[in-house]
Amino acid sequence: VEFLYCDLASMKSIRQFVQRFRAKNCPLHVLVNNAGVMLVPERKTEDGFEEHFGLNYLGHFLLTNLLLDTLKQSGTHSHNARIITVSSATHYVGKLHLNDLQSRCSYSPHGAYAQSKLALVLFTYRLQHLLTANGSHVTANIVDPGVVNTELYRHVFWVVKVAKWMTAWLFFKTPEEGASTSIYAAVSPEMEGAGACYLYNEERTKSADVAYDEELQRRLWTESCKMVGISDESSR
């Protein structure tokens, strides 16, 4: 195991990380997009993005796109490279505000978090469409880890924290249990060649209806490219 520093809330840090990784000339067979914040007070990343959208979504969007060439070179017909992105059941209640992705008009921690998780699902489906169109040996899938007992809940109200402390042993998954579906997506032979799947408890299930809107997927992708400063190859 080797550690390389990468701050998903910083576009500069992501680009520096990719440069350091590429310099190692290593193949890349699995990329798990797992970083995230939840219900943080209204604040911005160093690039001026609303933190949920900037870290949870745009950071992973940029990282994945900058590593795509390496993933494509690493995948083969019999062993595809795999991209696993961790979303949440909150995406089911999320709404994508294309005219206000930064939640400037009316900030809600719950709304901003849900929007970022919906954006990850839309992104994954669009990414798989583009990978398939290019004949790439790379698959992209989305994982819902369930309710997991981690520090992700540090910003919830104190009443919720107390309730969590009292009931976590009964209702929450352990971090190991929460990671199981991501691991399944990353290494299971059953997932070889399968893309655009929404996985929960190691089973394929249906995501929110709006996530299958191909026009919304395309528009979000185009806007995301502009926001992180990369070319939109899909428009060519």
Protein backbone atom coordinates (compact mmCIF):
# COMPACT_ATOMS: atom_id res chain seq x y z
CA VAL A 1 0.00 0.00 0.00
CA GLU A 2 1.31 3.42 -0.94
CA PHE A 3 -0.28 6.75 0.00
CA LEU A 4 -0.48 9.73 -2.37
CA TYR A 5 -2.05 12.94 -1.09
CA CYS A 6 -5.12 14.28 -2.90
CA ASP A 7 -7.57 16.91 -1.63
CA LEU A 8 -10.83 16.37 -3.52
CA ALA A 9 -11.94 19.90 -2.58
CA SER A 10 -9.05 21.40 -4.57
CA MET A 11 -8.80 21.26 -8.36
CA LYS A 12 -5.09 22.12 -8.06
CA SER A 13 -4.47 19.25 -5.64
CA ILE A 14 -6.31 16.80 -7.92
CA ARG A 15 -4.20 17.80 -10.91
CA GLN A 16 -0.99 17.51 -8.87
CA PHE A 17 -2.04 14.07 -7.65
CA VAL A 18 -2.70 12.86 -11.21
CA GLN A 19 0.72 14.13 -12.30
CA ARG A 20 2.43 12.24 -9.46
CA PHE A 21 0.47 9.08 -10.19
CA ARG A 22 1.20 9.19 -13.92
CA ALA A 23 4.92 9.68 -13.20
CA LYS A 24 4.94 6.21 -11.64
CA ASN A 25 3.87 4.63 -14.96
CA CYS A 26 1.57 2.25 -13.11
CA PRO A 27 -1.54 0.64 -14.59
CA LEU A 28 -4.87 1.59 -13.04
CA HIS A 29 -7.39 -1.22 -12.81
CA VAL A 30 -9.79 0.09 -10.15
CA LEU A 31 -10.79 3.63 -9.17
CA VAL A 32 -13.17 4.03 -6.21
CA ASN A 33 -14.63 7.52 -5.83
CA ASN A 34 -15.50 7.51 -2.14
CA ALA A 35 -14.71 10.92 -0.59
CA GLY A 36 -17.51 13.11 0.68
CA VAL A 37 -18.97 15.57 3.16
CA MET A 38 -22.56 15.73 4.41
CA LEU A 39 -24.78 18.51 5.74
CA VAL A 40 -21.97 21.02 6.12
CA PRO A 41 -22.88 24.68 6.75
CA GLU A 42 -22.83 26.92 3.68
CA ARG A 43 -19.23 27.37 2.61
CA LYS A 44 -17.04 27.20 -0.46
CA THR A 45 -14.00 25.26 -1.62
CA GLU A 46 -10.83 27.11 -2.56
CA ASP A 47 -12.09 27.16 -6.16
CA GLY A 48 -15.31 28.90 -5.13
CA PHE A 49 -17.63 25.89 -5.43
CA GLU A 50 -20.35 25.09 -2.91
CA GLU A 51 -18.65 22.43 -0.79
CA HIS A 52 -21.06 19.51 -1.31
CA PHE A 53 -21.10 20.00 -5.08
CA GLY A 54 -17.41 20.86 -5.32
CA LEU A 55 -16.02 18.02 -3.21
CA ASN A 56 -18.59 15.24 -3.52
CA TYR A 57 -19.18 15.66 -7.24
CA LEU A 58 -16.82 17.98 -9.14
CA GLY A 59 -13.71 16.63 -7.42
CA HIS A 60 -14.55 13.10 -8.51
CA PHE A 61 -15.64 14.29 -11.96
CA LEU A 62 -12.26 15.91 -12.59
CA LEU A 63 -10.22 13.10 -11.02
CA THR A 64 -11.99 10.43 -13.09
CA ASN A 65 -11.64 12.35 -16.34
CA LEU A 66 -7.93 13.02 -15.79
CA LEU A 67 -7.33 9.31 -15.11
CA LEU A 68 -9.49 8.00 -17.96
CA ASP A 69 -6.62 7.52 -20.42
CA THR A 70 -4.71 5.42 -17.89
CA LEU A 71 -7.84 3.38 -17.10
CA LYS A 72 -8.46 2.77 -20.81
CA GLN A 73 -4.85 1.62 -21.32
CA SER A 74 -5.10 -0.71 -18.32
CA GLY A 75 -8.37 -2.45 -19.20
CA THR A 76 -8.53 -5.46 -21.49
CA HIS A 77 -11.33 -7.36 -23.20
CA SER A 78 -11.31 -10.06 -20.52
CA HIS A 79 -10.49 -7.80 -17.55
CA ASN A 80 -12.08 -4.37 -17.79
CA ALA A 81 -10.77 -1.54 -15.64
CA ARG A 82 -13.48 -0.50 -13.20
CA ILE A 83 -14.73 2.85 -11.90
CA ILE A 84 -16.88 2.68 -8.77
CA THR A 85 -18.56 5.84 -7.53
CA VAL A 86 -20.21 5.98 -4.12
CA SER A 87 -23.56 7.78 -4.02
CA SER A 88 -26.38 7.54 -1.48
CA ALA A 89 -30.08 6.76 -1.17
CA THR A 90 -30.54 10.50 -0.68
CA HIS A 91 -30.16 10.86 -4.45
CA TYR A 92 -33.76 9.61 -4.70
CA VAL A 93 -34.99 12.91 -3.20
CA GLY A 94 -32.33 15.05 -4.88
CA LYS A 95 -33.10 17.71 -7.48
CA LEU A 96 -30.54 18.94 -9.99
CA HIS A 97 -30.75 22.72 -10.38
CA LEU A 98 -28.78 23.31 -13.58
CA ASN A 99 -29.30 27.05 -13.30
CA ASP A 100 -28.08 27.09 -9.69
CA LEU A 101 -25.73 24.16 -9.13
CA GLN A 102 -23.94 26.16 -6.40
CA SER A 103 -27.14 26.59 -4.35
CA ARG A 104 -26.66 30.37 -4.28
CA CYS A 105 -30.35 31.26 -4.43
CA SER A 106 -31.45 29.22 -1.43
CA TYR A 107 -28.99 27.08 0.50
CA SER A 108 -30.15 23.93 2.22
CA PRO A 109 -27.54 21.46 3.56
CA HIS A 110 -29.91 18.56 2.88
CA GLY A 111 -30.77 19.79 -0.62
CA ALA A 112 -27.13 20.45 -1.54
CA TYR A 113 -26.03 17.02 -0.30
CA ALA A 114 -28.84 15.23 -2.15
CA GLN A 115 -28.08 17.17 -5.34
CA SER A 116 -24.40 16.17 -5.20
CA LYS A 117 -25.33 12.50 -4.81
CA LEU A 118 -27.82 12.67 -7.71
CA ALA A 119 -25.13 14.33 -9.84
CA LEU A 120 -22.83 11.36 -9.19
CA VAL A 121 -25.45 8.93 -10.52
CA LEU A 122 -26.11 11.05 -13.63
CA PHE A 123 -22.35 11.35 -14.17
CA THR A 124 -21.81 7.58 -13.93
CA TYR A 125 -24.53 6.76 -16.44
CA ARG A 126 -23.22 9.36 -18.90
CA LEU A 127 -19.66 8.14 -18.41
CA GLN A 128 -20.65 4.55 -19.18
CA HIS A 129 -22.47 5.70 -22.31
CA LEU A 130 -19.30 7.44 -23.54
CA LEU A 131 -17.04 4.50 -22.63
CA THR A 132 -19.30 2.09 -24.51
CA ALA A 133 -19.46 4.39 -27.54
CA ASN A 134 -15.66 4.52 -27.64
CA GLY A 135 -15.28 0.76 -27.29
CA SER A 136 -13.23 1.21 -24.11
CA HIS A 137 -12.53 -1.72 -21.81
CA VAL A 138 -13.65 0.28 -18.76
CA THR A 139 -16.88 0.01 -16.78
CA ALA A 140 -18.49 2.59 -14.50
CA ASN A 141 -20.93 1.69 -11.75
CA ILE A 142 -22.61 3.42 -8.81
CA VAL A 143 -22.77 2.09 -5.24
CA ASP A 144 -25.18 2.88 -2.41
CA PRO A 145 -23.35 1.79 0.78
CA GLY A 146 -26.39 2.15 3.02
CA VAL A 147 -26.39 3.89 6.43
CA VAL A 148 -22.88 3.46 7.81
CA ASN A 149 -21.51 4.39 11.22
CA THR A 150 -18.75 6.84 10.24
CA GLU A 151 -17.71 10.44 10.93
CA LEU A 152 -19.80 11.55 7.95
CA TYR A 153 -22.52 12.51 10.46
CA ARG A 154 -20.41 15.05 12.35
CA HIS A 155 -22.51 17.99 11.11
CA VAL A 156 -25.97 16.67 12.01
CA PHE A 157 -27.96 18.22 14.90
CA TRP A 158 -26.91 17.14 18.40
CA VAL A 159 -30.23 15.34 18.93
CA VAL A 160 -29.51 13.18 15.89
CA LYS A 161 -25.98 12.55 17.14
CA VAL A 162 -27.33 11.29 20.47
CA ALA A 163 -29.88 9.07 18.71
CA LYS A 164 -27.13 7.75 16.43
CA TRP A 165 -24.89 7.00 19.41
CA MET A 166 -27.69 5.05 21.08
CA THR A 167 -28.90 3.09 18.06
CA ALA A 168 -25.91 2.76 15.72
CA TRP A 169 -25.19 -0.79 16.90
CA LEU A 170 -28.68 -1.82 15.82
CA PHE A 171 -29.49 0.22 12.70
CA PHE A 172 -26.14 1.30 11.22
CA LYS A 173 -23.68 -0.75 9.23
CA THR A 174 -20.08 -0.96 10.36
CA PRO A 175 -17.51 0.65 8.03
CA GLU A 176 -16.50 -2.85 6.92
CA GLU A 177 -20.11 -3.72 6.07
CA GLY A 178 -20.55 -0.38 4.32
CA ALA A 179 -17.53 -1.06 2.13
CA SER A 180 -18.71 -4.51 1.03
CA THR A 181 -20.70 -3.36 -2.02
CA SER A 182 -17.84 -1.17 -3.26
CA ILE A 183 -15.49 -4.13 -2.94
CA TYR A 184 -18.03 -6.33 -4.73
CA ALA A 185 -18.21 -3.82 -7.61
CA ALA A 186 -14.42 -3.62 -7.75
CA VAL A 187 -13.47 -7.32 -7.79
CA SER A 188 -16.48 -9.60 -8.30
CA PRO A 189 -16.32 -11.75 -11.46
CA GLU A 190 -20.10 -11.25 -11.71
CA MET A 191 -19.51 -7.56 -12.46
CA GLU A 192 -17.01 -8.17 -15.26
CA GLY A 193 -18.09 -6.15 -18.29
CA ALA A 194 -21.17 -4.76 -16.53
CA GLY A 195 -21.61 -0.99 -16.47
CA ALA A 196 -24.16 1.67 -15.54
CA CYS A 197 -25.42 -0.46 -12.63
CA TYR A 198 -26.78 0.95 -9.37
CA LEU A 199 -25.73 -1.46 -6.61
CA TYR A 200 -27.12 -1.82 -3.10
CA ASN A 201 -26.23 -4.71 -0.78
CA GLU A 202 -24.26 -6.26 -3.65
CA GLU A 203 -27.34 -6.40 -5.86
CA ARG A 204 -28.37 -4.39 -8.91
CA THR A 205 -31.35 -2.17 -8.27
CA LYS A 206 -33.12 0.84 -9.80
CA SER A 207 -31.98 4.37 -9.16
CA ALA A 208 -34.19 7.46 -9.24
CA ASP A 209 -36.16 7.85 -12.48
CA VAL A 210 -34.63 11.28 -13.18
CA ALA A 211 -31.14 9.72 -13.21
CA TYR A 212 -32.00 7.93 -16.48
CA ASP A 213 -32.76 11.24 -18.26
CA GLU A 214 -30.08 11.20 -20.98
CA GLU A 215 -30.54 14.87 -21.85
CA LEU A 216 -30.01 15.83 -18.21
CA GLN A 217 -26.95 13.59 -18.08
CA ARG A 218 -25.54 15.30 -21.16
CA ARG A 219 -26.23 18.83 -19.93
CA LEU A 220 -24.68 18.15 -16.53
CA TRP A 221 -21.59 16.65 -18.16
CA THR A 222 -21.14 19.66 -20.44
CA GLU A 223 -21.58 22.13 -17.59
CA SER A 224 -19.22 20.13 -15.36
CA CYS A 225 -16.49 20.26 -18.01
CA LYS A 226 -16.79 24.05 -18.08
CA MET A 227 -16.66 24.30 -14.29
CA VAL A 228 -13.48 22.22 -13.87
CA GLY A 229 -11.79 23.54 -17.01
CA ILE A 230 -11.50 20.49 -19.23
CA SER A 231 -12.62 20.01 -22.83
CA ASP A 232 -15.92 18.25 -23.46
CA GLU A 233 -14.78 15.37 -25.66
CA SER A 234 -18.34 14.05 -25.85
CA SER A 235 -19.45 17.06 -27.88
CA ARG A 236 -17.07 16.27 -30.76
